[in-house]
Amino acid sequence: MILYIGNKLSKHGNTPTSVETLGNALAEEYEMITVSDKANKLLRLIDMIWAIIRYRKRLSLILIDTYSTLNFYYAVICAWQSKILDIPYIPILHGGDLPNRLQKNRKISNFIFQNAKINIAPSNYLLETFKMHGYKVQYIPNSIALENYPFTERKTVRPKLLYVRAFSQVYNPQMAIKVLHKVLQKHPDAKLCMVGPNKDGTLDNTKNLAQKLGIEEHIVFMGKMKKEEWIALSKGYDIFINTTNADNTPVSVMEAMALGLPVVSTNVGVIPYLIEDGLDGLFVEPRTTNKKKKKIEHLLEHPHEAYTLATAARKKSESFSWIKVKEQWDKLLRSNKV
């Protein structure tokens, strides 16, 4: 039996995380228990600890989603408990700021990552970082069910911008508002659609900024949407923008690539490993509103280039298909005899 520990919070309005998406996919072939769906952080931790104790005699492996925020300490405590009970565990690395954790919390990092059976990095960015620190690490990318993402050809490019991400300060959704404000100066018909749940109160700040700039009529806030709903919605938009200040492997960007949306993103964390600037997407530095505006206007003025970027991105997204990623997980899990 495999126990997969992470934040199962989609029923509370949050975006599904790896413990739900990857966990459900693996459960089709492996005996799998996933925890925890408790909204309260303390109760969630207790639920995780209790699951390890409850199933300890049946467990052959524990998978632990490992983030760079305060949720990092869930992984630390669960790894400590796993080690005491002599149950092998594998951290699955998600936090785009994990490299800073390795520097700031060296002793704790050594404990959790050196004692792991192996560490799984969904990006070459984290793969290289963890190798540099001497940890055992293997690259297995995040995956998408590619058949659910129809490629839409966009021979023309309109100033219709799409943002799909939770409203969290680290994702800097206010930058999308500022970019739209500048794009409107040259393209008064520009529109921005923002899809995602409110994670830390940033949604109100984003709406207030739009109102302050007087552009709220050009913006649609859709809130949290089901995957199939925003995929259908995406056909009405022509440019995908990612404004985050830190990142690991954003699934929404991978999805946009699969859908044929040219991506204009900040070049933080794993993004330069996910997208090659000028080949299958465009980069700007974080918080550089003017540069992002210029990249968007460049695509509007050069639709053929936008189409070329989108076509190359779709080709790259094929490597993220679950069929291919599943083979890597099967090889890993079978080698651990689970």
Protein backbone atom coordinates (compact mmCIF):
# COMPACT_ATOMS: atom_id res chain seq x y z
CA MET A 1 0.00 0.00 0.00
CA ILE A 2 1.13 3.55 -0.77
CA LEU A 3 0.21 6.49 1.44
CA TYR A 4 0.24 9.83 -0.40
CA ILE A 5 0.39 12.88 1.89
CA GLY A 6 -0.52 16.35 0.64
CA ASN A 7 -3.11 19.12 0.68
CA LYS A 8 -6.42 17.75 -0.65
CA LEU A 9 -8.27 21.03 -0.49
CA SER A 10 -10.22 21.25 -3.73
CA LYS A 11 -13.51 20.62 -1.90
CA HIS A 12 -12.79 23.79 0.07
CA GLY A 13 -12.48 25.87 -3.10
CA ASN A 14 -8.75 25.46 -3.73
CA THR A 15 -7.16 24.29 -6.97
CA PRO A 16 -6.55 20.50 -7.00
CA THR A 17 -2.95 19.68 -6.14
CA SER A 18 -0.72 16.74 -6.98
CA VAL A 19 -2.03 14.55 -4.16
CA GLU A 20 -5.42 14.66 -5.89
CA THR A 21 -4.41 14.58 -9.56
CA LEU A 22 -1.37 12.28 -9.44
CA GLY A 23 -2.79 10.37 -6.49
CA ASN A 24 -6.01 9.58 -8.33
CA ALA A 25 -4.13 8.57 -11.47
CA LEU A 26 -1.83 6.19 -9.59
CA ALA A 27 -4.78 4.77 -7.63
CA GLU A 28 -6.01 3.18 -10.87
CA GLU A 29 -3.19 0.63 -10.64
CA TYR A 30 -1.85 0.81 -7.09
CA GLU A 31 -3.44 0.45 -3.66
CA MET A 32 -3.41 4.07 -2.60
CA ILE A 33 -4.50 6.11 0.44
CA THR A 34 -4.42 9.92 0.14
CA VAL A 35 -4.59 12.50 2.95
CA SER A 36 -5.51 15.15 4.05
CA ASP A 37 -8.63 17.14 3.21
CA LYS A 38 -8.88 19.00 6.54
CA ALA A 39 -9.20 22.76 6.05
CA ASN A 40 -7.68 23.60 9.44
CA LYS A 41 -3.88 23.36 9.26
CA LEU A 42 -3.44 21.76 12.68
CA LEU A 43 -6.17 19.20 12.04
CA ARG A 44 -4.61 18.48 8.64
CA LEU A 45 -1.25 17.75 10.25
CA ILE A 46 -2.86 15.51 12.85
CA ASP A 47 -4.72 13.66 10.08
CA MET A 48 -1.44 13.11 8.22
CA ILE A 49 0.31 11.81 11.34
CA TRP A 50 -2.59 9.55 12.22
CA ALA A 51 -2.67 8.07 8.70
CA ILE A 52 0.96 7.02 9.00
CA ILE A 53 0.29 5.42 12.39
CA ARG A 54 -2.97 3.79 11.30
CA TYR A 55 -1.62 2.15 8.14
CA ARG A 56 2.01 1.66 9.23
CA LYS A 57 1.91 -2.15 9.11
CA ARG A 58 0.54 -2.18 5.55
CA LEU A 59 2.62 0.60 4.03
CA SER A 60 5.42 -0.13 1.59
CA LEU A 61 5.99 3.54 0.68
CA ILE A 62 4.95 7.07 1.59
CA LEU A 63 4.81 9.87 -1.00
CA ILE A 64 5.01 13.36 0.50
CA ASP A 65 4.16 16.55 -1.39
CA THR A 66 6.85 19.01 -0.32
CA TYR A 67 6.38 22.75 -0.67
CA SER A 68 8.56 25.75 0.16
CA THR A 69 5.96 27.62 2.23
CA LEU A 70 4.96 26.84 5.82
CA ASN A 71 3.52 23.59 4.46
CA PHE A 72 7.17 22.52 4.21
CA TYR A 73 6.95 21.53 7.87
CA TYR A 74 4.20 19.01 7.14
CA ALA A 75 6.77 17.18 5.03
CA VAL A 76 9.45 17.49 7.74
CA ILE A 77 7.22 16.01 10.44
CA CYS A 78 5.89 13.23 8.21
CA ALA A 79 9.41 12.34 7.06
CA TRP A 80 10.58 12.19 10.68
CA GLN A 81 7.69 9.90 11.58
CA SER A 82 8.34 7.71 8.52
CA LYS A 83 11.98 7.32 9.50
CA ILE A 84 11.11 6.35 13.08
CA LEU A 85 8.70 3.69 11.79
CA ASP A 86 11.23 2.54 9.17
CA ILE A 87 8.87 3.20 6.25
CA PRO A 88 10.59 4.42 3.05
CA TYR A 89 9.38 7.79 1.85
CA ILE A 90 9.74 9.90 -1.28
CA PRO A 91 9.33 13.70 -1.21
CA ILE A 92 7.72 15.10 -4.36
CA LEU A 93 9.17 18.59 -4.75
CA HIS A 94 6.71 21.36 -5.61
CA GLY A 95 7.87 24.63 -4.10
CA GLY A 96 9.47 27.07 -6.52
CA ASP A 97 11.28 28.59 -3.55
CA LEU A 98 12.66 25.27 -2.26
CA PRO A 99 16.23 26.22 -3.26
CA ASN A 100 16.05 29.01 -0.67
CA ARG A 101 14.80 26.50 1.90
CA LEU A 102 17.91 24.43 1.26
CA GLN A 103 20.02 27.47 2.15
CA LYS A 104 18.00 28.79 5.08
CA ASN A 105 17.15 25.44 6.70
CA ARG A 106 20.19 23.37 5.88
CA LYS A 107 20.01 20.91 8.80
CA ILE A 108 16.29 20.27 8.39
CA SER A 109 16.71 19.94 4.63
CA ASN A 110 19.51 17.42 5.09
CA PHE A 111 17.33 15.37 7.38
CA ILE A 112 14.30 15.15 5.11
CA PHE A 113 16.06 14.89 1.74
CA GLN A 114 19.09 12.75 2.63
CA ASN A 115 16.99 10.14 4.43
CA ALA A 116 14.52 9.88 1.55
CA LYS A 117 14.47 6.80 -0.68
CA ILE A 118 14.80 9.33 -3.48
CA ASN A 119 13.49 12.83 -4.17
CA ILE A 120 11.25 13.46 -7.17
CA ALA A 121 11.72 16.74 -9.03
CA PRO A 122 9.02 17.71 -11.55
CA SER A 123 11.40 20.21 -13.16
CA ASN A 124 15.01 20.27 -14.32
CA TYR A 125 15.38 23.43 -12.26
CA LEU A 126 14.84 21.55 -9.00
CA LEU A 127 16.66 18.50 -10.34
CA GLU A 128 19.84 20.51 -10.88
CA THR A 129 19.50 22.34 -7.58
CA PHE A 130 19.06 19.18 -5.52
CA LYS A 131 21.90 17.43 -7.35
CA MET A 132 24.13 20.40 -6.58
CA HIS A 133 23.37 19.94 -2.88
CA GLY A 134 24.21 16.25 -3.05
CA TYR A 135 20.72 14.79 -2.71
CA LYS A 136 19.44 11.71 -4.54
CA VAL A 137 16.94 13.06 -7.03
CA GLN A 138 15.07 11.89 -10.11
CA TYR A 139 13.17 13.93 -12.69
CA ILE A 140 9.53 13.00 -13.31
CA PRO A 141 7.51 15.89 -14.76
CA ASN A 142 3.99 16.90 -13.85
CA SER A 143 1.52 15.49 -16.31
CA ILE A 144 -1.67 16.40 -18.12
CA ALA A 145 -4.22 14.25 -19.92
CA LEU A 146 -3.28 15.61 -23.31
CA GLU A 147 -6.41 14.25 -24.97
CA ASN A 148 -8.45 16.72 -22.89
CA TYR A 149 -6.64 19.74 -24.35
CA PRO A 150 -7.63 20.34 -27.98
CA PHE A 151 -5.18 22.49 -29.91
CA THR A 152 -6.85 25.65 -31.23
CA GLU A 153 -5.24 27.32 -34.25
CA ARG A 154 -5.10 31.09 -33.91
CA LYS A 155 -4.20 32.59 -37.28
CA THR A 156 -5.04 36.04 -35.92
CA VAL A 157 -4.28 37.36 -32.45
CA ARG A 158 -6.67 39.65 -30.63
CA PRO A 159 -5.91 41.53 -27.38
CA LYS A 160 -7.81 38.93 -25.38
CA LEU A 161 -5.70 37.94 -22.38
CA LEU A 162 -6.23 34.92 -20.12
CA TYR A 163 -4.91 34.45 -16.57
CA VAL A 164 -5.45 31.06 -14.89
CA ARG A 165 -3.98 30.87 -11.41
CA ALA A 166 -5.06 31.17 -7.81
CA PHE A 167 -5.25 34.70 -6.43
CA SER A 168 -2.18 34.62 -4.19
CA GLN A 169 0.39 37.32 -3.59
CA VAL A 170 3.24 35.12 -4.82
CA TYR A 171 1.49 34.81 -8.20
CA ASN A 172 1.23 38.61 -8.44
CA PRO A 173 -2.17 38.84 -10.19
CA GLN A 174 -2.05 42.64 -9.83
CA MET A 175 0.61 42.64 -12.54
CA ALA A 176 -2.00 41.32 -14.99
CA ILE A 177 -4.19 44.33 -14.20
CA LYS A 178 -1.29 46.76 -14.69
CA VAL A 179 -0.35 45.11 -17.98
CA LEU A 180 -3.91 45.33 -19.27
CA HIS A 181 -4.01 49.02 -18.29
CA LYS A 182 -0.99 49.66 -20.50
CA VAL A 183 -2.18 47.49 -23.38
CA LEU A 184 -5.47 49.42 -23.41
CA GLN A 185 -3.62 52.60 -24.31
CA LYS A 186 -2.91 51.17 -27.76
CA HIS A 187 -5.68 48.56 -27.96
CA PRO A 188 -8.86 50.00 -26.39
CA ASP A 189 -10.76 46.77 -27.12
CA ALA A 190 -8.41 44.68 -24.95
CA LYS A 191 -9.96 42.27 -22.45
CA LEU A 192 -8.62 40.22 -19.55
CA CYS A 193 -10.22 37.10 -18.10
CA MET A 194 -8.96 35.94 -14.69
CA VAL A 195 -9.73 32.39 -13.56
CA GLY A 196 -8.84 31.05 -10.14
CA PRO A 197 -9.84 30.83 -6.47
CA ASN A 198 -9.08 33.45 -3.84
CA LYS A 199 -6.23 32.01 -1.77
CA ASP A 200 -5.03 34.74 0.58
CA GLY A 201 -7.26 37.78 0.07
CA THR A 202 -5.38 38.94 -3.01
CA LEU A 203 -8.55 38.81 -5.11
CA ASP A 204 -9.98 41.87 -3.34
CA ASN A 205 -6.71 43.75 -3.82
CA THR A 206 -6.74 42.86 -7.51
CA LYS A 207 -10.32 44.05 -7.98
CA ASN A 208 -9.57 47.25 -6.08
CA LEU A 209 -6.62 47.96 -8.37
CA ALA A 210 -8.79 47.46 -11.46
CA GLN A 211 -11.35 49.88 -10.06
CA LYS A 212 -8.68 52.40 -9.13
CA LEU A 213 -7.31 52.32 -12.68
CA GLY A 214 -10.82 52.57 -14.10
CA ILE A 215 -10.57 49.45 -16.23
CA GLU A 216 -12.90 47.06 -14.39
CA GLU A 217 -15.26 46.92 -17.39
CA HIS A 218 -12.45 45.30 -19.41
CA ILE A 219 -11.95 42.47 -16.88
CA VAL A 220 -13.96 39.36 -16.09
CA PHE A 221 -13.31 37.57 -12.78
CA MET A 222 -14.52 33.99 -13.19
CA GLY A 223 -13.50 32.58 -9.82
CA LYS A 224 -12.69 28.90 -9.55
CA MET A 225 -13.76 26.88 -12.59
CA LYS A 226 -13.75 23.19 -13.38
CA LYS A 227 -10.97 22.15 -15.72
CA GLU A 228 -13.27 21.43 -18.64
CA GLU A 229 -15.01 24.79 -18.13
CA TRP A 230 -11.91 26.95 -18.43
CA ILE A 231 -10.59 24.82 -21.29
CA ALA A 232 -13.79 25.63 -23.20
CA LEU A 233 -13.46 29.28 -22.12
CA SER A 234 -9.89 29.47 -23.43
CA LYS A 235 -11.06 29.29 -27.04
CA GLY A 236 -12.24 32.88 -26.74
CA TYR A 237 -8.80 34.20 -25.75
CA ASP A 238 -5.57 34.53 -27.69
CA ILE A 239 -2.71 35.16 -25.23
CA PHE A 240 -1.97 33.45 -21.90
CA ILE A 241 -0.16 35.49 -19.25
CA ASN A 242 1.71 34.18 -16.22
CA THR A 243 2.75 36.89 -13.74
CA THR A 244 4.17 34.96 -10.81
CA ASN A 245 7.16 36.06 -8.71
CA ALA A 246 8.21 32.46 -7.89
CA ASP A 247 7.29 29.18 -9.51
CA ASN A 248 8.03 25.50 -9.87
CA THR A 249 6.14 23.70 -12.64
CA PRO A 250 2.82 25.51 -13.14
CA VAL A 251 0.31 23.09 -14.60
CA SER A 252 -1.80 25.95 -15.93
CA VAL A 253 1.11 27.06 -18.13
CA MET A 254 1.56 23.49 -19.39
CA GLU A 255 -2.15 23.41 -20.16
CA ALA A 256 -2.00 26.71 -22.02
CA MET A 257 0.87 25.34 -24.12
CA ALA A 258 -1.20 22.27 -24.97
CA LEU A 259 -4.22 24.39 -25.92
CA GLY A 260 -2.30 26.50 -28.43
CA LEU A 261 -2.24 29.72 -26.41
CA PRO A 262 1.00 31.68 -26.86
CA VAL A 263 2.42 32.21 -23.37
CA VAL A 264 3.98 35.41 -22.03
CA SER A 265 5.46 34.65 -18.61
CA THR A 266 7.81 35.94 -15.97
CA ASN A 267 11.11 34.04 -16.14
CA VAL A 268 11.21 32.85 -12.51
CA GLY A 269 12.01 29.46 -11.02
CA VAL A 270 11.39 26.61 -13.41
CA ILE A 271 9.86 28.69 -16.22
CA PRO A 272 13.14 28.96 -18.20
CA TYR A 273 13.32 25.14 -18.02
CA LEU A 274 9.72 24.77 -19.13
CA ILE A 275 9.67 27.39 -21.89
CA GLU A 276 12.46 28.39 -24.24
CA ASP A 277 12.22 32.13 -24.80
CA GLY A 278 11.44 32.96 -28.41
CA LEU A 279 10.93 29.31 -29.36
CA ASP A 280 7.75 28.21 -27.54
CA GLY A 281 6.93 31.23 -25.39
CA LEU A 282 8.12 34.68 -24.34
CA PHE A 283 9.79 35.85 -21.12
CA VAL A 284 9.96 38.99 -19.04
CA GLU A 285 11.53 39.64 -15.66
CA PRO A 286 9.14 39.67 -12.69
CA ARG A 287 7.39 42.98 -11.96
CA THR A 288 8.40 44.46 -15.35
CA THR A 289 5.00 45.64 -16.52
CA ASN A 290 6.25 47.67 -19.48
CA LYS A 291 8.27 44.78 -20.88
CA LYS A 292 5.32 42.42 -20.59
CA LYS A 293 3.13 44.95 -22.37
CA LYS A 294 5.67 45.17 -25.20
CA LYS A 295 5.82 41.37 -25.56
CA ILE A 296 2.03 41.19 -25.80
CA GLU A 297 1.92 44.00 -28.37
CA HIS A 298 4.63 42.22 -30.35
CA LEU A 299 2.43 39.12 -30.61
CA LEU A 300 -0.57 41.25 -31.61
CA GLU A 301 1.48 42.80 -34.39
CA HIS A 302 3.10 39.50 -35.48
CA PRO A 303 0.36 36.84 -35.43
CA HIS A 304 2.44 34.43 -37.50
CA GLU A 305 5.13 34.44 -34.79
CA ALA A 306 2.47 33.87 -32.13
CA TYR A 307 1.21 30.87 -34.10
CA THR A 308 4.75 29.50 -34.45
CA LEU A 309 5.32 29.80 -30.70
CA ALA A 310 2.01 28.12 -29.95
CA THR A 311 2.68 25.24 -32.36
CA ALA A 312 6.11 24.58 -30.82
CA ALA A 313 4.62 24.75 -27.33
CA ARG A 314 2.00 22.15 -28.23
CA LYS A 315 4.74 19.87 -29.52
CA LYS A 316 6.64 20.22 -26.23
CA SER A 317 3.48 19.58 -24.20
CA GLU A 318 3.31 16.07 -25.63
CA SER A 319 6.17 15.12 -23.29
CA PHE A 320 3.87 15.96 -20.36
CA SER A 321 1.15 13.50 -21.38
CA TRP A 322 0.13 11.08 -18.63
CA ILE A 323 0.81 8.11 -20.89
CA LYS A 324 4.51 9.00 -20.98
CA VAL A 325 4.80 10.20 -17.38
CA LYS A 326 3.01 7.08 -16.10
CA GLU A 327 5.79 4.90 -17.49
CA GLN A 328 8.31 6.73 -15.31
CA TRP A 329 6.17 6.35 -12.18
CA ASP A 330 5.59 2.66 -12.91
CA LYS A 331 9.31 2.05 -13.23
CA LEU A 332 10.02 3.88 -9.96
CA LEU A 333 7.25 2.23 -7.95
CA ARG A 334 7.93 -1.26 -9.26
CA SER A 335 11.58 -0.88 -8.37
CA ASN A 336 10.39 -0.22 -4.81
CA LYS A 337 8.10 -3.29 -5.00
CA VAL A 338 4.87 -1.49 -4.12
